[in-house]
Amino acid sequence: MSHRRKHLSSQPSGGQQQRVAVVQAVVGDPAIVLADEPTGNLDSRNGTEVMDMLDSLHRGGATICMVTHDPRYAGRAERTVHLFDGRVVGTAGSAATVVAI
């Protein structure tokens, strides 16, 4: 915690800010969640908690569109779309149509 010694108690860390942002995004039971690296600033325990929350929303009927570089979290998706230099280079999972712009 020495790296935070000059921060005020009202100044959350990046990971704390990330967790707050995820909670704000999912409050109100949204039909669609757009999540750009929702676990990017989190340790593995908190990352798993966020993914469990997104899984729960999906089981409840929400569509989750998530960007991640972490294969552990990508592996939890029903469908994955792999991009390289902005182009779709592969897909896996259900046969929904992918449109790249």
PDB file of N, CA and C in Angstrom:
ATOM      1  N   MET A   1       0.804  -1.196   0.000  1.00  0.00           N
ATOM      2  CA  MET A   1       0.000   0.000   0.000  1.00  0.00           C
ATOM      3  C   MET A   1       0.851   1.267   0.000  1.00  0.00           C
ATOM      4  N   SER A   2       2.150   1.133   0.096  1.00  0.00           N
ATOM      5  CA  SER A   2       3.000   2.324   0.134  1.00  0.00           C
ATOM      6  C   SER A   2       2.856   3.156  -1.137  1.00  0.00           C
ATOM      7  N   HIS A   3       2.539   2.515  -2.272  1.00  0.00           N
ATOM      8  CA  HIS A   3       2.358   3.249  -3.520  1.00  0.00           C
ATOM      9  C   HIS A   3       1.123   4.154  -3.478  1.00  0.00           C
ATOM     10  N   ARG A   4       0.249   3.964  -2.489  1.00  0.00           N
ATOM     11  CA  ARG A   4      -0.983   4.768  -2.363  1.00  0.00           C
ATOM     12  C   ARG A   4      -0.900   5.776  -1.228  1.00  0.00           C
ATOM     13  N   ARG A   5       0.275   5.920  -0.621  1.00  0.00           N
ATOM     14  CA  ARG A   5       0.377   6.760   0.576  1.00  0.00           C
ATOM     15  C   ARG A   5       0.038   8.223   0.336  1.00  0.00           C
ATOM     16  N   LYS A   6       0.189   8.725  -0.870  1.00  0.00           N
ATOM     17  CA  LYS A   6      -0.125  10.127  -1.165  1.00  0.00           C
ATOM     18  C   LYS A   6      -1.539  10.318  -1.693  1.00  0.00           C
ATOM     19  N   HIS A   7      -2.288   9.224  -1.831  1.00  0.00           N
ATOM     20  CA  HIS A   7      -3.661   9.331  -2.295  1.00  0.00           C
ATOM     21  C   HIS A   7      -4.589   9.585  -1.111  1.00  0.00           C
ATOM     22  N   LEU A   8      -5.621  10.383  -1.346  1.00  0.00           N
ATOM     23  CA  LEU A   8      -6.647  10.582  -0.338  1.00  0.00           C
ATOM     24  C   LEU A   8      -7.529   9.344  -0.284  1.00  0.00           C
ATOM     25  N   SER A   9      -8.177   9.139   0.848  1.00  0.00           N
ATOM     26  CA  SER A   9      -9.052   7.972   0.967  1.00  0.00           C
ATOM     27  C   SER A   9     -10.219   8.052  -0.008  1.00  0.00           C
ATOM     28  N   SER A  10     -10.522   9.257  -0.494  1.00  0.00           N
ATOM     29  CA  SER A  10     -11.609   9.416  -1.461  1.00  0.00           C
ATOM     30  C   SER A  10     -11.171   9.149  -2.901  1.00  0.00           C
ATOM     31  N   GLN A  11      -9.888   8.839  -3.109  1.00  0.00           N
ATOM     32  CA  GLN A  11      -9.371   8.575  -4.446  1.00  0.00           C
ATOM     33  C   GLN A  11      -9.194   7.071  -4.631  1.00  0.00           C
ATOM     34  N   PRO A  12     -10.134   6.424  -5.314  1.00  0.00           N
ATOM     35  CA  PRO A  12     -10.037   4.971  -5.480  1.00  0.00           C
ATOM     36  C   PRO A  12      -8.928   4.573  -6.453  1.00  0.00           C
ATOM     37  N   SER A  13      -8.447   3.357  -6.293  1.00  0.00           N
ATOM     38  CA  SER A  13      -7.439   2.813  -7.200  1.00  0.00           C
ATOM     39  C   SER A  13      -8.090   2.500  -8.548  1.00  0.00           C
ATOM     40  N   GLY A  14      -7.273   2.169  -9.538  1.00  0.00           N
ATOM     41  CA  GLY A  14      -7.803   1.796 -10.850  1.00  0.00           C
ATOM     42  C   GLY A  14      -8.719   0.592 -10.778  1.00  0.00           C
ATOM     43  N   GLY A  15      -8.322  -0.400  -9.990  1.00  0.00           N
ATOM     44  CA  GLY A  15      -9.153  -1.592  -9.831  1.00  0.00           C
ATOM     45  C   GLY A  15     -10.477  -1.281  -9.152  1.00  0.00           C
ATOM     46  N   GLN A  16     -10.444  -0.399  -8.146  1.00  0.00           N
ATOM     47  CA  GLN A  16     -11.679  -0.007  -7.473  1.00  0.00           C
ATOM     48  C   GLN A  16     -12.586   0.755  -8.438  1.00  0.00           C
ATOM     49  N   GLN A  17     -12.002   1.640  -9.240  1.00  0.00           N
ATOM     50  CA  GLN A  17     -12.778   2.375 -10.230  1.00  0.00           C
ATOM     51  C   GLN A  17     -13.402   1.416 -11.238  1.00  0.00           C
ATOM     52  N   GLN A  18     -12.643   0.401 -11.625  1.00  0.00           N
ATOM     53  CA  GLN A  18     -13.133  -0.593 -12.596  1.00  0.00           C
ATOM     54  C   GLN A  18     -14.335  -1.341 -12.023  1.00  0.00           C
ATOM     55  N   ARG A  19     -14.238  -1.767 -10.773  1.00  0.00           N
ATOM     56  CA  ARG A  19     -15.346  -2.503 -10.155  1.00  0.00           C
ATOM     57  C   ARG A  19     -16.588  -1.626 -10.043  1.00  0.00           C
ATOM     58  N   VAL A  20     -16.418  -0.363  -9.676  1.00  0.00           N
ATOM     59  CA  VAL A  20     -17.550   0.567  -9.583  1.00  0.00           C
ATOM     60  C   VAL A  20     -18.186   0.740 -10.953  1.00  0.00           C
ATOM     61  N   ALA A  21     -17.391   0.883 -11.994  1.00  0.00           N
ATOM     62  CA  ALA A  21     -17.917   1.063 -13.346  1.00  0.00           C
ATOM     63  C   ALA A  21     -18.731  -0.149 -13.786  1.00  0.00           C
ATOM     64  N   VAL A  22     -18.266  -1.344 -13.456  1.00  0.00           N
ATOM     65  CA  VAL A  22     -18.999  -2.557 -13.832  1.00  0.00           C
ATOM     66  C   VAL A  22     -20.338  -2.594 -13.104  1.00  0.00           C
ATOM     67  N   VAL A  23     -20.329  -2.304 -11.827  1.00  0.00           N
ATOM     68  CA  VAL A  23     -21.586  -2.310 -11.057  1.00  0.00           C
ATOM     69  C   VAL A  23     -22.549  -1.268 -11.618  1.00  0.00           C
ATOM     70  N   GLN A  24     -22.059  -0.074 -11.929  1.00  0.00           N
ATOM     71  CA  GLN A  24     -22.921   0.960 -12.503  1.00  0.00           C
ATOM     72  C   GLN A  24     -23.507   0.513 -13.836  1.00  0.00           C
ATOM     73  N   ALA A  25     -22.735  -0.219 -14.613  1.00  0.00           N
ATOM     74  CA  ALA A  25     -23.196  -0.665 -15.935  1.00  0.00           C
ATOM     75  C   ALA A  25     -24.294  -1.715 -15.838  1.00  0.00           C
ATOM     76  N   VAL A  26     -24.298  -2.517 -14.799  1.00  0.00           N
ATOM     77  CA  VAL A  26     -25.247  -3.625 -14.730  1.00  0.00           C
ATOM     78  C   VAL A  26     -26.423  -3.371 -13.799  1.00  0.00           C
ATOM     79  N   VAL A  27     -26.389  -2.274 -13.059  1.00  0.00           N
ATOM     80  CA  VAL A  27     -27.515  -1.978 -12.174  1.00  0.00           C
ATOM     81  C   VAL A  27     -28.731  -1.671 -13.042  1.00  0.00           C
ATOM     82  N   GLY A  28     -29.880  -2.129 -12.645  1.00  0.00           N
ATOM     83  CA  GLY A  28     -31.088  -1.894 -13.428  1.00  0.00           C
ATOM     84  C   GLY A  28     -31.393  -3.001 -14.414  1.00  0.00           C
ATOM     85  N   ASP A  29     -30.645  -4.095 -14.353  1.00  0.00           N
ATOM     86  CA  ASP A  29     -30.931  -5.278 -15.169  1.00  0.00           C
ATOM     87  C   ASP A  29     -31.011  -4.944 -16.664  1.00  0.00           C
ATOM     88  N   PRO A  30     -29.893  -4.491 -17.271  1.00  0.00           N
ATOM     89  CA  PRO A  30     -29.911  -4.099 -18.683  1.00  0.00           C
ATOM     90  C   PRO A  30     -30.110  -5.295 -19.614  1.00  0.00           C
ATOM     91  N   ALA A  31     -30.681  -5.026 -20.787  1.00  0.00           N
ATOM     92  CA  ALA A  31     -30.866  -6.074 -21.794  1.00  0.00           C
ATOM     93  C   ALA A  31     -29.566  -6.349 -22.537  1.00  0.00           C
ATOM     94  N   ILE A  32     -28.720  -5.331 -22.679  1.00  0.00           N
ATOM     95  CA  ILE A  32     -27.438  -5.461 -23.380  1.00  0.00           C
ATOM     96  C   ILE A  32     -26.354  -4.798 -22.536  1.00  0.00           C
ATOM     97  N   VAL A  33     -25.219  -5.488 -22.406  1.00  0.00           N
ATOM     98  CA  VAL A  33     -24.059  -4.919 -21.714  1.00  0.00           C
ATOM     99  C   VAL A  33     -22.891  -4.926 -22.694  1.00  0.00           C
ATOM    100  N   LEU A  34     -22.303  -3.749 -22.930  1.00  0.00           N
ATOM    101  CA  LEU A  34     -21.100  -3.625 -23.742  1.00  0.00           C
ATOM    102  C   LEU A  34     -19.940  -3.480 -22.774  1.00  0.00           C
ATOM    103  N   ALA A  35     -19.042  -4.450 -22.745  1.00  0.00           N
ATOM    104  CA  ALA A  35     -17.970  -4.482 -21.750  1.00  0.00           C
ATOM    105  C   ALA A  35     -16.610  -4.529 -22.443  1.00  0.00           C
ATOM    106  N   ASP A  36     -15.885  -3.426 -22.389  1.00  0.00           N
ATOM    107  CA  ASP A  36     -14.558  -3.333 -22.997  1.00  0.00           C
ATOM    108  C   ASP A  36     -13.519  -3.603 -21.918  1.00  0.00           C
ATOM    109  N   GLU A  37     -12.938  -4.785 -21.950  1.00  0.00           N
ATOM    110  CA  GLU A  37     -11.942  -5.208 -20.954  1.00  0.00           C
ATOM    111  C   GLU A  37     -12.450  -5.011 -19.527  1.00  0.00           C
ATOM    112  N   PRO A  38     -13.592  -5.619 -19.174  1.00  0.00           N
ATOM    113  CA  PRO A  38     -14.156  -5.383 -17.843  1.00  0.00           C
ATOM    114  C   PRO A  38     -13.275  -5.896 -16.704  1.00  0.00           C
ATOM    115  N   THR A  39     -12.321  -6.754 -17.010  1.00  0.00           N
ATOM    116  CA  THR A  39     -11.442  -7.307 -15.966  1.00  0.00           C
ATOM    117  C   THR A  39     -10.023  -6.777 -16.085  1.00  0.00           C
ATOM    118  N   GLY A  40      -9.803  -5.812 -16.967  1.00  0.00           N
ATOM    119  CA  GLY A  40      -8.461  -5.352 -17.304  1.00  0.00           C
ATOM    120  C   GLY A  40      -7.614  -4.860 -16.147  1.00  0.00           C
ATOM    121  N   ASN A  41      -8.195  -4.173 -15.175  1.00  0.00           N
ATOM    122  CA  ASN A  41      -7.425  -3.627 -14.055  1.00  0.00           C
ATOM    123  C   ASN A  41      -7.621  -4.408 -12.764  1.00  0.00           C
ATOM    124  N   LEU A  42      -8.147  -5.608 -12.874  1.00  0.00           N
ATOM    125  CA  LEU A  42      -8.501  -6.362 -11.673  1.00  0.00           C
ATOM    126  C   LEU A  42      -7.571  -7.537 -11.447  1.00  0.00           C
ATOM    127  N   ASP A  43      -7.413  -7.896 -10.174  1.00  0.00           N
ATOM    128  CA  ASP A  43      -6.683  -9.124  -9.862  1.00  0.00           C
ATOM    129  C   ASP A  43      -7.588 -10.305 -10.210  1.00  0.00           C
ATOM    130  N   SER A  44      -7.053 -11.516 -10.140  1.00  0.00           N
ATOM    131  CA  SER A  44      -7.800 -12.683 -10.608  1.00  0.00           C
ATOM    132  C   SER A  44      -9.076 -12.921  -9.805  1.00  0.00           C
ATOM    133  N   ARG A  45      -9.045 -12.688  -8.504  1.00  0.00           N
ATOM    134  CA  ARG A  45     -10.244 -12.904  -7.673  1.00  0.00           C
ATOM    135  C   ARG A  45     -11.352 -11.948  -8.087  1.00  0.00           C
ATOM    136  N   ASN A  46     -11.036 -10.665  -8.199  1.00  0.00           N
ATOM    137  CA  ASN A  46     -12.054  -9.687  -8.580  1.00  0.00           C
ATOM    138  C   ASN A  46     -12.475  -9.862 -10.033  1.00  0.00           C
ATOM    139  N   GLY A  47     -11.553 -10.270 -10.898  1.00  0.00           N
ATOM    140  CA  GLY A  47     -11.902 -10.553 -12.286  1.00  0.00           C
ATOM    141  C   GLY A  47     -12.914 -11.673 -12.386  1.00  0.00           C
ATOM    142  N   THR A  48     -12.709 -12.705 -11.593  1.00  0.00           N
ATOM    143  CA  THR A  48     -13.649 -13.830 -11.575  1.00  0.00           C
ATOM    144  C   THR A  48     -15.013 -13.384 -11.062  1.00  0.00           C
ATOM    145  N   GLU A  49     -15.030 -12.523 -10.053  1.00  0.00           N
ATOM    146  CA  GLU A  49     -16.308 -12.014  -9.535  1.00  0.00           C
ATOM    147  C   GLU A  49     -17.062 -11.228 -10.603  1.00  0.00           C
ATOM    148  N   VAL A  50     -16.344 -10.396 -11.354  1.00  0.00           N
ATOM    149  CA  VAL A  50     -16.979  -9.628 -12.428  1.00  0.00           C
ATOM    150  C   VAL A  50     -17.528 -10.579 -13.487  1.00  0.00           C
ATOM    151  N   MET A  51     -16.731 -11.570 -13.872  1.00  0.00           N
ATOM    152  CA  MET A  51     -17.192 -12.520 -14.886  1.00  0.00           C
ATOM    153  C   MET A  51     -18.395 -13.312 -14.386  1.00  0.00           C
ATOM    154  N   ASP A  52     -18.401 -13.681 -13.117  1.00  0.00           N
ATOM    155  CA  ASP A  52     -19.556 -14.394 -12.555  1.00  0.00           C
ATOM    156  C   ASP A  52     -20.808 -13.521 -12.629  1.00  0.00           C
ATOM    157  N   MET A  53     -20.655 -12.221 -12.371  1.00  0.00           N
ATOM    158  CA  MET A  53     -21.777 -11.297 -12.448  1.00  0.00           C
ATOM    159  C   MET A  53     -22.287 -11.196 -13.888  1.00  0.00           C
ATOM    160  N   LEU A  54     -21.366 -11.106 -14.856  1.00  0.00           N
ATOM    161  CA  LEU A  54     -21.778 -11.056 -16.261  1.00  0.00           C
ATOM    162  C   LEU A  54     -22.450 -12.363 -16.679  1.00  0.00           C
ATOM    163  N   ASP A  55     -21.916 -13.495 -16.215  1.00  0.00           N
ATOM    164  CA  ASP A  55     -22.547 -14.796 -16.498  1.00  0.00           C
ATOM    165  C   ASP A  55     -23.977 -14.834 -15.963  1.00  0.00           C
ATOM    166  N   SER A  56     -24.165 -14.329 -14.747  1.00  0.00           N
ATOM    167  CA  SER A  56     -25.489 -14.316 -14.128  1.00  0.00           C
ATOM    168  C   SER A  56     -26.459 -13.453 -14.936  1.00  0.00           C
ATOM    169  N   LEU A  57     -25.992 -12.296 -15.380  1.00  0.00           N
ATOM    170  CA  LEU A  57     -26.834 -11.443 -16.229  1.00  0.00           C
ATOM    171  C   LEU A  57     -27.215 -12.164 -17.517  1.00  0.00           C
ATOM    172  N   HIS A  58     -26.249 -12.866 -18.108  1.00  0.00           N
ATOM    173  CA  HIS A  58     -26.517 -13.588 -19.351  1.00  0.00           C
ATOM    174  C   HIS A  58     -27.533 -14.709 -19.130  1.00  0.00           C
ATOM    175  N   ARG A  59     -27.372 -15.447 -18.048  1.00  0.00           N
ATOM    176  CA  ARG A  59     -28.347 -16.501 -17.737  1.00  0.00           C
ATOM    177  C   ARG A  59     -29.745 -15.921 -17.538  1.00  0.00           C
ATOM    178  N   GLY A  60     -29.806 -14.649 -17.106  1.00  0.00           N
ATOM    179  CA  GLY A  60     -31.087 -13.974 -16.926  1.00  0.00           C
ATOM    180  C   GLY A  60     -31.654 -13.386 -18.205  1.00  0.00           C
ATOM    181  N   GLY A  61     -30.945 -13.549 -19.319  1.00  0.00           N
ATOM    182  CA  GLY A  61     -31.460 -13.114 -20.608  1.00  0.00           C
ATOM    183  C   GLY A  61     -30.729 -11.944 -21.238  1.00  0.00           C
ATOM    184  N   ALA A  62     -29.776 -11.348 -20.551  1.00  0.00           N
ATOM    185  CA  ALA A  62     -29.046 -10.209 -21.112  1.00  0.00           C
ATOM    186  C   ALA A  62     -28.050 -10.674 -22.169  1.00  0.00           C
ATOM    187  N   THR A  63     -27.823  -9.827 -23.147  1.00  0.00           N
ATOM    188  CA  THR A  63     -26.780 -10.048 -24.137  1.00  0.00           C
ATOM    189  C   THR A  63     -25.524  -9.355 -23.637  1.00  0.00           C
ATOM    190  N   ILE A  64     -24.418 -10.071 -23.598  1.00  0.00           N
ATOM    191  CA  ILE A  64     -23.144  -9.516 -23.154  1.00  0.00           C
ATOM    192  C   ILE A  64     -22.215  -9.476 -24.360  1.00  0.00           C
ATOM    193  N   CYS A  65     -21.752  -8.292 -24.706  1.00  0.00           N
ATOM    194  CA  CYS A  65     -20.762  -8.121 -25.762  1.00  0.00           C
ATOM    195  C   CYS A  65     -19.494  -7.625 -25.076  1.00  0.00           C
ATOM    196  N   MET A  66     -18.492  -8.493 -25.008  1.00  0.00           N
ATOM    197  CA  MET A  66     -17.301  -8.202 -24.222  1.00  0.00           C
ATOM    198  C   MET A  66     -16.045  -8.297 -25.079  1.00  0.00           C
ATOM    199  N   VAL A  67     -15.140  -7.358 -24.866  1.00  0.00           N
ATOM    200  CA  VAL A  67     -13.822  -7.396 -25.485  1.00  0.00           C
ATOM    201  C   VAL A  67     -12.833  -7.816 -24.407  1.00  0.00           C
ATOM    202  N   THR A  68     -11.984  -8.802 -24.718  1.00  0.00           N
ATOM    203  CA  THR A  68     -10.964  -9.218 -23.768  1.00  0.00           C
ATOM    204  C   THR A  68      -9.765  -9.775 -24.513  1.00  0.00           C
ATOM    205  N   HIS A  69      -8.619  -9.658 -23.876  1.00  0.00           N
ATOM    206  CA  HIS A  69      -7.410 -10.300 -24.374  1.00  0.00           C
ATOM    207  C   HIS A  69      -7.077 -11.530 -23.545  1.00  0.00           C
ATOM    208  N   ASP A  70      -7.899 -11.821 -22.550  1.00  0.00           N
ATOM    209  CA  ASP A  70      -7.639 -12.916 -21.614  1.00  0.00           C
ATOM    210  C   ASP A  70      -8.375 -14.173 -22.063  1.00  0.00           C
ATOM    211  N   PRO A  71      -7.642 -15.200 -22.493  1.00  0.00           N
ATOM    212  CA  PRO A  71      -8.302 -16.420 -22.989  1.00  0.00           C
ATOM    213  C   PRO A  71      -9.141 -17.125 -21.931  1.00  0.00           C
ATOM    214  N   ARG A  72      -8.825 -16.957 -20.653  1.00  0.00           N
ATOM    215  CA  ARG A  72      -9.649 -17.581 -19.594  1.00  0.00           C
ATOM    216  C   ARG A  72     -11.066 -17.034 -19.639  1.00  0.00           C
ATOM    217  N   TYR A  73     -11.185 -15.721 -19.831  1.00  0.00           N
ATOM    218  CA  TYR A  73     -12.503 -15.103 -19.837  1.00  0.00           C
ATOM    219  C   TYR A  73     -13.182 -15.282 -21.194  1.00  0.00           C
ATOM    220  N   ALA A  74     -12.436 -15.239 -22.274  1.00  0.00           N
ATOM    221  CA  ALA A  74     -13.008 -15.485 -23.600  1.00  0.00           C
ATOM    222  C   ALA A  74     -13.589 -16.892 -23.668  1.00  0.00           C
ATOM    223  N   GLY A  75     -12.951 -17.833 -22.996  1.00  0.00           N
ATOM    224  CA  GLY A  75     -13.419 -19.212 -22.993  1.00  0.00           C
ATOM    225  C   GLY A  75     -14.757 -19.409 -22.311  1.00  0.00           C
ATOM    226  N   ARG A  76     -15.191 -18.432 -21.543  1.00  0.00           N
ATOM    227  CA  ARG A  76     -16.487 -18.523 -20.870  1.00  0.00           C
ATOM    228  C   ARG A  76     -17.637 -18.096 -21.776  1.00  0.00           C
ATOM    229  N   ALA A  77     -17.330 -17.548 -22.944  1.00  0.00           N
ATOM    230  CA  ALA A  77     -18.366 -17.040 -23.847  1.00  0.00           C
ATOM    231  C   ALA A  77     -18.995 -18.161 -24.664  1.00  0.00           C
ATOM    232  N   GLU A  78     -20.265 -17.995 -24.989  1.00  0.00           N
ATOM    233  CA  GLU A  78     -20.937 -18.944 -25.880  1.00  0.00           C
ATOM    234  C   GLU A  78     -20.454 -18.767 -27.311  1.00  0.00           C
ATOM    235  N   ARG A  79     -20.056 -17.559 -27.640  1.00  0.00           N
ATOM    236  CA  ARG A  79     -19.604 -17.250 -28.997  1.00  0.00           C
ATOM    237  C   ARG A  79     -18.409 -16.313 -28.902  1.00  0.00           C
ATOM    238  N   THR A  80     -17.406 -16.561 -29.703  1.00  0.00           N
ATOM    239  CA  THR A  80     -16.255 -15.666 -29.763  1.00  0.00           C
ATOM    240  C   THR A  80     -15.999 -15.259 -31.203  1.00  0.00           C
ATOM    241  N   VAL A  81     -15.536 -14.032 -31.348  1.00  0.00           N
ATOM    242  CA  VAL A  81     -15.157 -13.487 -32.645  1.00  0.00           C
ATOM    243  C   VAL A  81     -13.730 -13.008 -32.495  1.00  0.00           C
ATOM    244  N   HIS A  82     -12.836 -13.526 -33.310  1.00  0.00           N
ATOM    245  CA  HIS A  82     -11.420 -13.173 -33.230  1.00  0.00           C
ATOM    246  C   HIS A  82     -11.091 -12.137 -34.296  1.00  0.00           C
ATOM    247  N   LEU A  83     -10.460 -11.040 -33.852  1.00  0.00           N
ATOM    248  CA  LEU A  83     -10.090  -9.954 -34.757  1.00  0.00           C
ATOM    249  C   LEU A  83      -8.580  -9.841 -34.849  1.00  0.00           C
ATOM    250  N   PHE A  84      -8.106  -9.424 -35.997  1.00  0.00           N
ATOM    251  CA  PHE A  84      -6.696  -9.102 -36.198  1.00  0.00           C
ATOM    252  C   PHE A  84      -6.642  -7.899 -37.111  1.00  0.00           C
ATOM    253  N   ASP A  85      -6.007  -6.842 -36.662  1.00  0.00           N
ATOM    254  CA  ASP A  85      -5.923  -5.598 -37.432  1.00  0.00           C
ATOM    255  C   ASP A  85      -7.302  -5.122 -37.890  1.00  0.00           C
ATOM    256  N   GLY A  86      -8.291  -5.256 -37.008  1.00  0.00           N
ATOM    257  CA  GLY A  86      -9.629  -4.762 -37.305  1.00  0.00           C
ATOM    258  C   GLY A  86     -10.477  -5.643 -38.193  1.00  0.00           C
ATOM    259  N   ARG A  87      -9.990  -6.819 -38.537  1.00  0.00           N
ATOM    260  CA  ARG A  87     -10.741  -7.736 -39.407  1.00  0.00           C
ATOM    261  C   ARG A  87     -11.066  -9.024 -38.665  1.00  0.00           C
ATOM    262  N   VAL A  88     -12.242  -9.568 -38.967  1.00  0.00           N
ATOM    263  CA  VAL A  88     -12.645 -10.848 -38.395  1.00  0.00           C
ATOM    264  C   VAL A  88     -11.807 -11.940 -39.034  1.00  0.00           C
ATOM    265  N   VAL A  89     -11.092 -12.691 -38.204  1.00  0.00           N
ATOM    266  CA  VAL A  89     -10.252 -13.775 -38.718  1.00  0.00           C
ATOM    267  C   VAL A  89     -10.722 -15.145 -38.229  1.00  0.00           C
ATOM    268  N   GLY A  90     -11.729 -15.165 -37.381  1.00  0.00           N
ATOM    269  CA  GLY A  90     -12.237 -16.443 -36.921  1.00  0.00           C
ATOM    270  C   GLY A  90     -13.404 -16.249 -35.975  1.00  0.00           C
ATOM    271  N   THR A  91     -14.258 -17.258 -35.918  1.00  0.00           N
ATOM    272  CA  THR A  91     -15.379 -17.255 -34.994  1.00  0.00           C
ATOM    273  C   THR A  91     -15.526 -18.649 -34.416  1.00  0.00           C
ATOM    274  N   ALA A  92     -16.157 -18.733 -33.276  1.00  0.00           N
ATOM    275  CA  ALA A  92     -16.464 -20.012 -32.662  1.00  0.00           C
ATOM    276  C   ALA A  92     -17.755 -19.856 -31.880  1.00  0.00           C
ATOM    277  N   GLY A  93     -18.534 -20.910 -31.833  1.00  0.00           N
ATOM    278  CA  GLY A  93     -19.782 -20.864 -31.072  1.00  0.00           C
ATOM    279  C   GLY A  93     -20.987 -20.830 -31.990  1.00  0.00           C
ATOM    280  N   SER A  94     -22.069 -20.217 -31.486  1.00  0.00           N
ATOM    281  CA  SER A  94     -23.335 -20.219 -32.209  1.00  0.00           C
ATOM    282  C   SER A  94     -23.194 -19.559 -33.577  1.00  0.00           C
ATOM    283  N   ALA A  95     -24.150 -19.811 -34.439  1.00  0.00           N
ATOM    284  CA  ALA A  95     -24.043 -19.390 -35.847  1.00  0.00           C
ATOM    285  C   ALA A  95     -24.598 -18.008 -36.126  1.00  0.00           C
ATOM    286  N   ALA A  96     -24.648 -17.143 -35.137  1.00  0.00           N
ATOM    287  CA  ALA A  96     -25.134 -15.773 -35.364  1.00  0.00           C
ATOM    288  C   ALA A  96     -24.235 -15.072 -36.393  1.00  0.00           C
ATOM    289  N   THR A  97     -24.819 -14.182 -37.143  1.00  0.00           N
ATOM    290  CA  THR A  97     -24.086 -13.454 -38.178  1.00  0.00           C
ATOM    291  C   THR A  97     -23.182 -12.412 -37.545  1.00  0.00           C
ATOM    292  N   VAL A  98     -21.964 -12.285 -38.063  1.00  0.00           N
ATOM    293  CA  VAL A  98     -21.016 -11.275 -37.601  1.00  0.00           C
ATOM    294  C   VAL A  98     -20.848 -10.259 -38.703  1.00  0.00           C
ATOM    295  N   VAL A  99     -21.002  -8.997 -38.364  1.00  0.00           N
ATOM    296  CA  VAL A  99     -20.801  -7.906 -39.325  1.00  0.00           C
ATOM    297  C   VAL A  99     -19.667  -7.053 -38.799  1.00  0.00           C
ATOM    298  N   ALA A 100     -18.604  -6.917 -39.575  1.00  0.00           N
ATOM    299  CA  ALA A 100     -17.466  -6.064 -39.196  1.00  0.00           C
ATOM    300  C   ALA A 100     -17.525  -4.802 -40.031  1.00  0.00           C
ATOM    301  N   ILE A 101     -17.401  -3.673 -39.367  1.00  0.00           N
ATOM    302  CA  ILE A 101     -17.444  -2.388 -40.076  1.00  0.00           C
ATOM    303  C   ILE A 101     -16.075  -1.748 -39.991  1.00  0.00           C
TER     304      ILE A 101
END
